[in-house]
């Protein structure tokens, strides 16, 4: 599998956004963000869906805009005051220097409330063509395999049948509860964001990446997955106001 990665920019038409990267296109229906970015790999048998955002059922899509490699969408509770969630899908975050042949996107999810206190119910997911799944942790500046029972896993690496691998990783400083399950030939990964309550005047923010690259030695020292994970973990948080 070969993926070229020139400078990428989002285009937005009503509720549909897309971003071409060489011969690979990712697209999303912003009115249904739980579906995530649909990514069709060259030679792939079925599209992968990554960085889908599952919101409170009371959330309503209210606004969206794109600026270069950043696509931003806003979701508010239907009563207009309880919870506001902002999601930014980033094709070119400042920390990213993707190795050749690797596609990567970052999702930055923010939540704030007009109430004195509220508990957001926000998950971020991936739905992938099935393969071998490895739970991962990030410690001492490196990716490590994690026991399947490790509730502190930062993410997963999935190896597909057509010589590709998918890395799904929550930033190691962010709260999370990452799980994976298989259904037939598909793998579904879910990360729970913001398990604690958010107070009025406070902005919670969490970051997750999804990357697709060659399956060979994906987590070995110096591999594309290890390189991305190290850069992602070292990246400074976005400015919070």
C-alpha atoms as a PDB file:
ATOM      1  CA  UNK A   1       0.000   0.000   0.000  1.00  0.00           C
ATOM      2  CA  UNK A   2       1.344   3.434  -0.948  1.00  0.00           C
ATOM      3  CA  UNK A   3      -0.175   6.692   0.280  1.00  0.00           C
ATOM      4  CA  UNK A   4       1.269  10.026  -0.738  1.00  0.00           C
ATOM      5  CA  UNK A   5       0.724  12.955   1.620  1.00  0.00           C
ATOM      6  CA  UNK A   6       0.989  16.417   0.086  1.00  0.00           C
ATOM      7  CA  UNK A   7      -0.470  19.452   1.861  1.00  0.00           C
ATOM      8  CA  UNK A   8      -4.144  18.731   2.462  1.00  0.00           C
ATOM      9  CA  UNK A   9      -7.096  21.082   2.714  1.00  0.00           C
ATOM     10  CA  UNK A  10     -10.730  20.465   3.641  1.00  0.00           C
ATOM     11  CA  UNK A  11     -13.643  21.438   1.435  1.00  0.00           C
ATOM     12  CA  UNK A  12     -17.117  21.935   2.882  1.00  0.00           C
ATOM     13  CA  UNK A  13     -20.492  21.763   1.121  1.00  0.00           C
ATOM     14  CA  UNK A  14     -23.436  22.127   3.507  1.00  0.00           C
ATOM     15  CA  UNK A  15     -23.018  19.245   5.993  1.00  0.00           C
ATOM     16  CA  UNK A  16     -20.534  17.214   3.931  1.00  0.00           C
ATOM     17  CA  UNK A  17     -16.776  17.743   4.146  1.00  0.00           C
ATOM     18  CA  UNK A  18     -13.924  16.003   2.362  1.00  0.00           C
ATOM     19  CA  UNK A  19     -10.152  16.145   2.261  1.00  0.00           C
ATOM     20  CA  UNK A  20      -8.046  14.514  -0.482  1.00  0.00           C
ATOM     21  CA  UNK A  21      -4.549  13.312   0.306  1.00  0.00           C
ATOM     22  CA  UNK A  22      -2.863  11.958  -2.796  1.00  0.00           C
ATOM     23  CA  UNK A  23      -4.912   8.980  -3.952  1.00  0.00           C
ATOM     24  CA  UNK A  24      -6.785   8.736  -0.635  1.00  0.00           C
ATOM     25  CA  UNK A  25      -9.898  10.754   0.283  1.00  0.00           C
ATOM     26  CA  UNK A  26     -11.474  11.109   3.711  1.00  0.00           C
ATOM     27  CA  UNK A  27     -15.033  12.419   3.993  1.00  0.00           C
ATOM     28  CA  UNK A  28     -17.541  13.013   6.793  1.00  0.00           C
ATOM     29  CA  UNK A  29     -21.207  13.860   7.251  1.00  0.00           C
ATOM     30  CA  UNK A  30     -21.075  16.521   9.962  1.00  0.00           C
ATOM     31  CA  UNK A  31     -24.759  16.083  10.791  1.00  0.00           C
ATOM     32  CA  UNK A  32     -23.895  12.515  11.851  1.00  0.00           C
ATOM     33  CA  UNK A  33     -20.389  12.776  13.338  1.00  0.00           C
ATOM     34  CA  UNK A  34     -20.602   9.316  14.920  1.00  0.00           C
ATOM     35  CA  UNK A  35     -19.961   7.902  11.428  1.00  0.00           C
ATOM     36  CA  UNK A  36     -16.488   9.446  11.488  1.00  0.00           C
ATOM     37  CA  UNK A  37     -14.110  10.006   8.605  1.00  0.00           C
ATOM     38  CA  UNK A  38     -14.748   7.467   5.870  1.00  0.00           C
ATOM     39  CA  UNK A  39     -11.391   6.477   4.396  1.00  0.00           C
ATOM     40  CA  UNK A  40     -11.091   4.308   1.293  1.00  0.00           C
ATOM     41  CA  UNK A  41      -7.632   2.750   1.076  1.00  0.00           C
ATOM     42  CA  UNK A  42      -6.076   1.881  -2.298  1.00  0.00           C
ATOM     43  CA  UNK A  43      -6.845  -1.803  -2.801  1.00  0.00           C
ATOM     44  CA  UNK A  44      -8.986  -1.916   0.351  1.00  0.00           C
ATOM     45  CA  UNK A  45     -12.023  -4.196   0.354  1.00  0.00           C
ATOM     46  CA  UNK A  46     -14.151  -1.884   2.522  1.00  0.00           C
ATOM     47  CA  UNK A  47     -13.789   1.671   3.849  1.00  0.00           C
ATOM     48  CA  UNK A  48     -12.408   2.313   7.308  1.00  0.00           C
ATOM     49  CA  UNK A  49     -14.167   4.839   9.539  1.00  0.00           C
ATOM     50  CA  UNK A  50     -12.056   6.687  12.067  1.00  0.00           C
ATOM     51  CA  UNK A  51     -12.433   9.528  14.570  1.00  0.00           C
ATOM     52  CA  UNK A  52     -16.211   9.336  14.757  1.00  0.00           C
ATOM     53  CA  UNK A  53     -17.641  11.365  17.641  1.00  0.00           C
ATOM     54  CA  UNK A  54     -20.604   9.959  19.552  1.00  0.00           C
ATOM     55  CA  UNK A  55     -22.453  12.780  21.319  1.00  0.00           C
ATOM     56  CA  UNK A  56     -25.311  13.071  23.760  1.00  0.00           C
ATOM     57  CA  UNK A  57     -28.533  12.243  21.819  1.00  0.00           C
ATOM     58  CA  UNK A  58     -29.754  15.732  22.710  1.00  0.00           C
ATOM     59  CA  UNK A  59     -26.932  17.353  20.704  1.00  0.00           C
ATOM     60  CA  UNK A  60     -27.696  19.246  17.522  1.00  0.00           C
ATOM     61  CA  UNK A  61     -25.292  20.245  14.706  1.00  0.00           C
ATOM     62  CA  UNK A  62     -25.246  24.068  14.596  1.00  0.00           C
ATOM     63  CA  UNK A  63     -22.195  25.327  12.686  1.00  0.00           C
ATOM     64  CA  UNK A  64     -19.107  24.303  10.725  1.00  0.00           C
ATOM     65  CA  UNK A  65     -16.165  25.883   8.954  1.00  0.00           C
ATOM     66  CA  UNK A  66     -12.834  24.857   7.487  1.00  0.00           C
ATOM     67  CA  UNK A  67      -9.503  26.614   7.394  1.00  0.00           C
ATOM     68  CA  UNK A  68      -6.770  24.846   5.467  1.00  0.00           C
ATOM     69  CA  UNK A  69      -6.139  21.507   7.113  1.00  0.00           C
ATOM     70  CA  UNK A  70      -8.596  22.117   9.982  1.00  0.00           C
ATOM     71  CA  UNK A  71     -12.303  21.250   9.871  1.00  0.00           C
ATOM     72  CA  UNK A  72     -14.385  22.457  12.833  1.00  0.00           C
ATOM     73  CA  UNK A  73     -17.980  21.604  13.757  1.00  0.00           C
ATOM     74  CA  UNK A  74     -20.097  22.777  16.686  1.00  0.00           C
ATOM     75  CA  UNK A  75     -22.830  20.785  18.421  1.00  0.00           C
ATOM     76  CA  UNK A  76     -25.163  22.188  21.083  1.00  0.00           C
ATOM     77  CA  UNK A  77     -27.880  20.735  23.251  1.00  0.00           C
ATOM     78  CA  UNK A  78     -31.290  21.385  21.745  1.00  0.00           C
ATOM     79  CA  UNK A  79     -32.277  23.618  24.648  1.00  0.00           C
ATOM     80  CA  UNK A  80     -29.381  25.862  23.618  1.00  0.00           C
ATOM     81  CA  UNK A  81     -27.774  26.102  27.037  1.00  0.00           C
ATOM     82  CA  UNK A  82     -26.725  22.815  28.592  1.00  0.00           C
ATOM     83  CA  UNK A  83     -23.677  21.576  26.667  1.00  0.00           C
ATOM     84  CA  UNK A  84     -21.614  22.749  23.712  1.00  0.00           C
ATOM     85  CA  UNK A  85     -19.200  20.353  21.984  1.00  0.00           C
ATOM     86  CA  UNK A  86     -16.676  21.528  19.410  1.00  0.00           C
ATOM     87  CA  UNK A  87     -14.815  19.016  17.254  1.00  0.00           C
ATOM     88  CA  UNK A  88     -11.793  19.873  15.107  1.00  0.00           C
ATOM     89  CA  UNK A  89     -10.538  17.261  12.655  1.00  0.00           C
ATOM     90  CA  UNK A  90      -6.963  18.197  11.738  1.00  0.00           C
ATOM     91  CA  UNK A  91      -5.182  17.099   8.576  1.00  0.00           C
ATOM     92  CA  UNK A  92      -2.048  19.126   9.331  1.00  0.00           C
ATOM     93  CA  UNK A  93      -1.520  19.623  13.080  1.00  0.00           C
ATOM     94  CA  UNK A  94       1.680  21.520  13.810  1.00  0.00           C
ATOM     95  CA  UNK A  95       3.338  18.513  15.462  1.00  0.00           C
ATOM     96  CA  UNK A  96       2.708  16.130  12.540  1.00  0.00           C
ATOM     97  CA  UNK A  97       5.521  15.095  10.231  1.00  0.00           C
ATOM     98  CA  UNK A  98       4.041  11.849   8.915  1.00  0.00           C
ATOM     99  CA  UNK A  99       6.544   9.342   7.527  1.00  0.00           C
ATOM    100  CA  UNK A 100       6.279   8.523   3.829  1.00  0.00           C
ATOM    101  CA  UNK A 101       3.399   6.192   3.038  1.00  0.00           C
ATOM    102  CA  UNK A 102       1.413   7.067   6.194  1.00  0.00           C
ATOM    103  CA  UNK A 103      -1.928   8.877   6.475  1.00  0.00           C
ATOM    104  CA  UNK A 104      -2.798  10.549   9.801  1.00  0.00           C
ATOM    105  CA  UNK A 105      -5.593  12.698  11.252  1.00  0.00           C
ATOM    106  CA  UNK A 106      -6.038  14.251  14.693  1.00  0.00           C
ATOM    107  CA  UNK A 107      -9.386  15.000  16.371  1.00  0.00           C
ATOM    108  CA  UNK A 108      -9.547  17.675  19.073  1.00  0.00           C
ATOM    109  CA  UNK A 109     -12.776  17.487  21.077  1.00  0.00           C
ATOM    110  CA  UNK A 110     -13.805  20.294  23.454  1.00  0.00           C
ATOM    111  CA  UNK A 111     -16.761  20.480  25.843  1.00  0.00           C
ATOM    112  CA  UNK A 112     -18.217  23.290  27.952  1.00  0.00           C
ATOM    113  CA  UNK A 113     -21.502  23.899  29.711  1.00  0.00           C
ATOM    114  CA  UNK A 114     -23.744  26.795  30.699  1.00  0.00           C
ATOM    115  CA  UNK A 115     -24.897  24.876  33.780  1.00  0.00           C
ATOM    116  CA  UNK A 116     -23.048  25.009  37.090  1.00  0.00           C
ATOM    117  CA  UNK A 117     -21.966  21.416  36.427  1.00  0.00           C
ATOM    118  CA  UNK A 118     -22.614  18.758  33.812  1.00  0.00           C
ATOM    119  CA  UNK A 119     -21.195  15.353  32.828  1.00  0.00           C
ATOM    120  CA  UNK A 120     -20.537  15.102  29.068  1.00  0.00           C
ATOM    121  CA  UNK A 121     -21.325  11.791  27.423  1.00  0.00           C
ATOM    122  CA  UNK A 122     -18.852  11.824  24.544  1.00  0.00           C
ATOM    123  CA  UNK A 123     -17.096   8.888  22.889  1.00  0.00           C
ATOM    124  CA  UNK A 124     -14.719   8.803  19.941  1.00  0.00           C
ATOM    125  CA  UNK A 125     -14.607   5.692  17.791  1.00  0.00           C
ATOM    126  CA  UNK A 126     -13.183   3.788  14.841  1.00  0.00           C
ATOM    127  CA  UNK A 127     -14.846   1.091  12.725  1.00  0.00           C
ATOM    128  CA  UNK A 128     -12.285  -0.901  10.759  1.00  0.00           C
ATOM    129  CA  UNK A 129     -11.802  -3.890   8.513  1.00  0.00           C
ATOM    130  CA  UNK A 130     -10.979  -6.721  10.934  1.00  0.00           C
ATOM    131  CA  UNK A 131      -7.563  -8.059  11.820  1.00  0.00           C
ATOM    132  CA  UNK A 132      -5.248  -8.675  14.760  1.00  0.00           C
ATOM    133  CA  UNK A 133      -5.809  -6.136  17.563  1.00  0.00           C
ATOM    134  CA  UNK A 134      -3.093  -5.097  20.019  1.00  0.00           C
ATOM    135  CA  UNK A 135      -3.804  -2.837  23.027  1.00  0.00           C
ATOM    136  CA  UNK A 136      -1.103  -0.210  23.504  1.00  0.00           C
ATOM    137  CA  UNK A 137       0.210   2.053  26.221  1.00  0.00           C
ATOM    138  CA  UNK A 138       2.638   4.943  25.955  1.00  0.00           C
ATOM    139  CA  UNK A 139       5.293   5.061  28.673  1.00  0.00           C
ATOM    140  CA  UNK A 140       8.804   6.442  28.948  1.00  0.00           C
ATOM    141  CA  UNK A 141       8.498   8.021  25.501  1.00  0.00           C
ATOM    142  CA  UNK A 142       7.671   4.742  23.753  1.00  0.00           C
ATOM    143  CA  UNK A 143       4.720   2.644  22.647  1.00  0.00           C
ATOM    144  CA  UNK A 144       4.350  -0.667  24.494  1.00  0.00           C
ATOM    145  CA  UNK A 145       2.045  -3.640  24.122  1.00  0.00           C
ATOM    146  CA  UNK A 146      -0.514  -3.651  26.943  1.00  0.00           C
ATOM    147  CA  UNK A 147      -2.292  -6.645  28.493  1.00  0.00           C
ATOM    148  CA  UNK A 148      -5.792  -7.082  27.075  1.00  0.00           C
ATOM    149  CA  UNK A 149      -7.175  -6.465  30.578  1.00  0.00           C
ATOM    150  CA  UNK A 150      -5.251  -3.193  31.011  1.00  0.00           C
ATOM    151  CA  UNK A 151      -7.915  -0.525  31.584  1.00  0.00           C
ATOM    152  CA  UNK A 152      -5.271   2.171  31.145  1.00  0.00           C
ATOM    153  CA  UNK A 153      -4.530   1.343  27.502  1.00  0.00           C
ATOM    154  CA  UNK A 154      -4.022   4.489  25.468  1.00  0.00           C
ATOM    155  CA  UNK A 155      -5.207   2.911  22.224  1.00  0.00           C
ATOM    156  CA  UNK A 156      -4.983   0.015  19.784  1.00  0.00           C
ATOM    157  CA  UNK A 157      -3.087  -1.102  16.731  1.00  0.00           C
ATOM    158  CA  UNK A 158      -5.047  -3.173  14.215  1.00  0.00           C
ATOM    159  CA  UNK A 159      -3.336  -5.147  11.454  1.00  0.00           C
ATOM    160  CA  UNK A 160      -5.459  -5.672   8.349  1.00  0.00           C
ATOM    161  CA  UNK A 161      -5.404  -8.451   5.771  1.00  0.00           C
ATOM    162  CA  UNK A 162      -4.095  -6.276   2.917  1.00  0.00           C
ATOM    163  CA  UNK A 163      -0.757  -5.278   4.466  1.00  0.00           C
ATOM    164  CA  UNK A 164      -1.978  -2.197   6.314  1.00  0.00           C
ATOM    165  CA  UNK A 165      -2.225  -1.257   9.963  1.00  0.00           C
ATOM    166  CA  UNK A 166      -4.383   1.320  11.767  1.00  0.00           C
ATOM    167  CA  UNK A 167      -3.195   3.150  14.880  1.00  0.00           C
ATOM    168  CA  UNK A 168      -5.856   4.615  17.209  1.00  0.00           C
ATOM    169  CA  UNK A 169      -4.356   6.547  20.117  1.00  0.00           C
ATOM    170  CA  UNK A 170      -5.704   8.883  22.805  1.00  0.00           C
ATOM    171  CA  UNK A 171      -3.210  11.471  24.037  1.00  0.00           C
ATOM    172  CA  UNK A 172      -1.541   9.957  27.125  1.00  0.00           C
ATOM    173  CA  UNK A 173      -2.343  13.015  29.277  1.00  0.00           C
ATOM    174  CA  UNK A 174      -6.081  12.794  28.575  1.00  0.00           C
ATOM    175  CA  UNK A 175      -8.611  10.751  30.536  1.00  0.00           C
ATOM    176  CA  UNK A 176      -9.903   7.773  28.624  1.00  0.00           C
ATOM    177  CA  UNK A 177     -11.396   4.316  28.739  1.00  0.00           C
ATOM    178  CA  UNK A 178     -10.469   2.631  25.474  1.00  0.00           C
ATOM    179  CA  UNK A 179     -12.118  -0.665  24.463  1.00  0.00           C
ATOM    180  CA  UNK A 180     -12.243  -2.798  21.312  1.00  0.00           C
ATOM    181  CA  UNK A 181     -14.626  -5.487  20.071  1.00  0.00           C
ATOM    182  CA  UNK A 182     -14.954  -7.543  16.914  1.00  0.00           C
ATOM    183  CA  UNK A 183     -18.095  -8.257  14.910  1.00  0.00           C
ATOM    184  CA  UNK A 184     -17.564 -10.529  11.932  1.00  0.00           C
ATOM    185  CA  UNK A 185     -14.864  -8.944   9.801  1.00  0.00           C
ATOM    186  CA  UNK A 186     -15.074  -5.556  11.522  1.00  0.00           C
ATOM    187  CA  UNK A 187     -13.315  -4.108  14.557  1.00  0.00           C
ATOM    188  CA  UNK A 188     -14.952  -1.336  16.590  1.00  0.00           C
ATOM    189  CA  UNK A 189     -12.803   0.784  18.938  1.00  0.00           C
ATOM    190  CA  UNK A 190     -14.333   3.243  21.420  1.00  0.00           C
ATOM    191  CA  UNK A 191     -12.697   5.761  23.754  1.00  0.00           C
ATOM    192  CA  UNK A 192     -14.728   7.451  26.489  1.00  0.00           C
ATOM    193  CA  UNK A 193     -13.765  11.097  26.817  1.00  0.00           C
ATOM    194  CA  UNK A 194     -14.307  13.384  29.804  1.00  0.00           C
ATOM    195  CA  UNK A 195     -15.450  10.914  32.487  1.00  0.00           C
ATOM    196  CA  UNK A 196     -15.439  13.739  35.046  1.00  0.00           C
ATOM    197  CA  UNK A 197     -17.954  16.572  35.312  1.00  0.00           C
ATOM    198  CA  UNK A 198     -17.313  19.880  33.573  1.00  0.00           C
ATOM    199  CA  UNK A 199     -18.046  23.067  35.513  1.00  0.00           C
ATOM    200  CA  UNK A 200     -19.398  26.313  34.145  1.00  0.00           C
ATOM    201  CA  UNK A 201     -16.563  28.460  32.818  1.00  0.00           C
ATOM    202  CA  UNK A 202     -14.258  25.477  32.332  1.00  0.00           C
ATOM    203  CA  UNK A 203     -13.295  24.087  28.912  1.00  0.00           C
ATOM    204  CA  UNK A 204     -12.427  20.382  28.716  1.00  0.00           C
ATOM    205  CA  UNK A 205     -10.355  19.243  25.770  1.00  0.00           C
ATOM    206  CA  UNK A 206      -9.125  15.846  24.567  1.00  0.00           C
ATOM    207  CA  UNK A 207      -7.054  14.716  21.579  1.00  0.00           C
ATOM    208  CA  UNK A 208      -7.072  11.472  19.588  1.00  0.00           C
ATOM    209  CA  UNK A 209      -5.218  10.386  16.440  1.00  0.00           C
ATOM    210  CA  UNK A 210      -5.914   7.761  13.807  1.00  0.00           C
ATOM    211  CA  UNK A 211      -3.235   6.738  11.322  1.00  0.00           C
ATOM    212  CA  UNK A 212      -2.989   4.200   8.492  1.00  0.00           C
ATOM    213  CA  UNK A 213       0.319   2.790   7.316  1.00  0.00           C
ATOM    214  CA  UNK A 214       2.225  -0.389   6.429  1.00  0.00           C
ATOM    215  CA  UNK A 215       1.608  -3.335   8.756  1.00  0.00           C
ATOM    216  CA  UNK A 216       5.225  -4.505   8.946  1.00  0.00           C
ATOM    217  CA  UNK A 217       6.799  -3.868  12.380  1.00  0.00           C
ATOM    218  CA  UNK A 218       4.328  -1.046  13.037  1.00  0.00           C
ATOM    219  CA  UNK A 219       5.227  -0.631  16.706  1.00  0.00           C
ATOM    220  CA  UNK A 220       8.935  -1.482  16.560  1.00  0.00           C
ATOM    221  CA  UNK A 221      11.326   1.278  17.699  1.00  0.00           C
ATOM    222  CA  UNK A 222      11.646   3.789  14.894  1.00  0.00           C
ATOM    223  CA  UNK A 223       8.529   2.530  13.072  1.00  0.00           C
ATOM    224  CA  UNK A 224       5.972   4.946  11.676  1.00  0.00           C
ATOM    225  CA  UNK A 225       3.510   4.211  14.514  1.00  0.00           C
ATOM    226  CA  UNK A 226       6.134   4.690  17.202  1.00  0.00           C
ATOM    227  CA  UNK A 227       7.330   7.899  15.517  1.00  0.00           C
ATOM    228  CA  UNK A 228       3.817   9.335  15.331  1.00  0.00           C
ATOM    229  CA  UNK A 229       3.014   8.321  18.914  1.00  0.00           C
ATOM    230  CA  UNK A 230       6.157   9.988  20.245  1.00  0.00           C
ATOM    231  CA  UNK A 231       5.475  13.244  18.363  1.00  0.00           C
ATOM    232  CA  UNK A 232       1.808  13.201  19.406  1.00  0.00           C
ATOM    233  CA  UNK A 233       2.597  12.590  23.080  1.00  0.00           C
ATOM    234  CA  UNK A 234       5.170  15.406  23.095  1.00  0.00           C
ATOM    235  CA  UNK A 235       2.909  17.915  21.342  1.00  0.00           C
ATOM    236  CA  UNK A 236       1.783  20.842  23.513  1.00  0.00           C
ATOM    237  CA  UNK A 237      -1.929  21.232  24.202  1.00  0.00           C
ATOM    238  CA  UNK A 238      -3.839  23.761  22.142  1.00  0.00           C
ATOM    239  CA  UNK A 239      -4.307  27.126  23.843  1.00  0.00           C
ATOM    240  CA  UNK A 240      -7.333  27.094  26.140  1.00  0.00           C
ATOM    241  CA  UNK A 241      -9.301  30.290  26.687  1.00  0.00           C
END
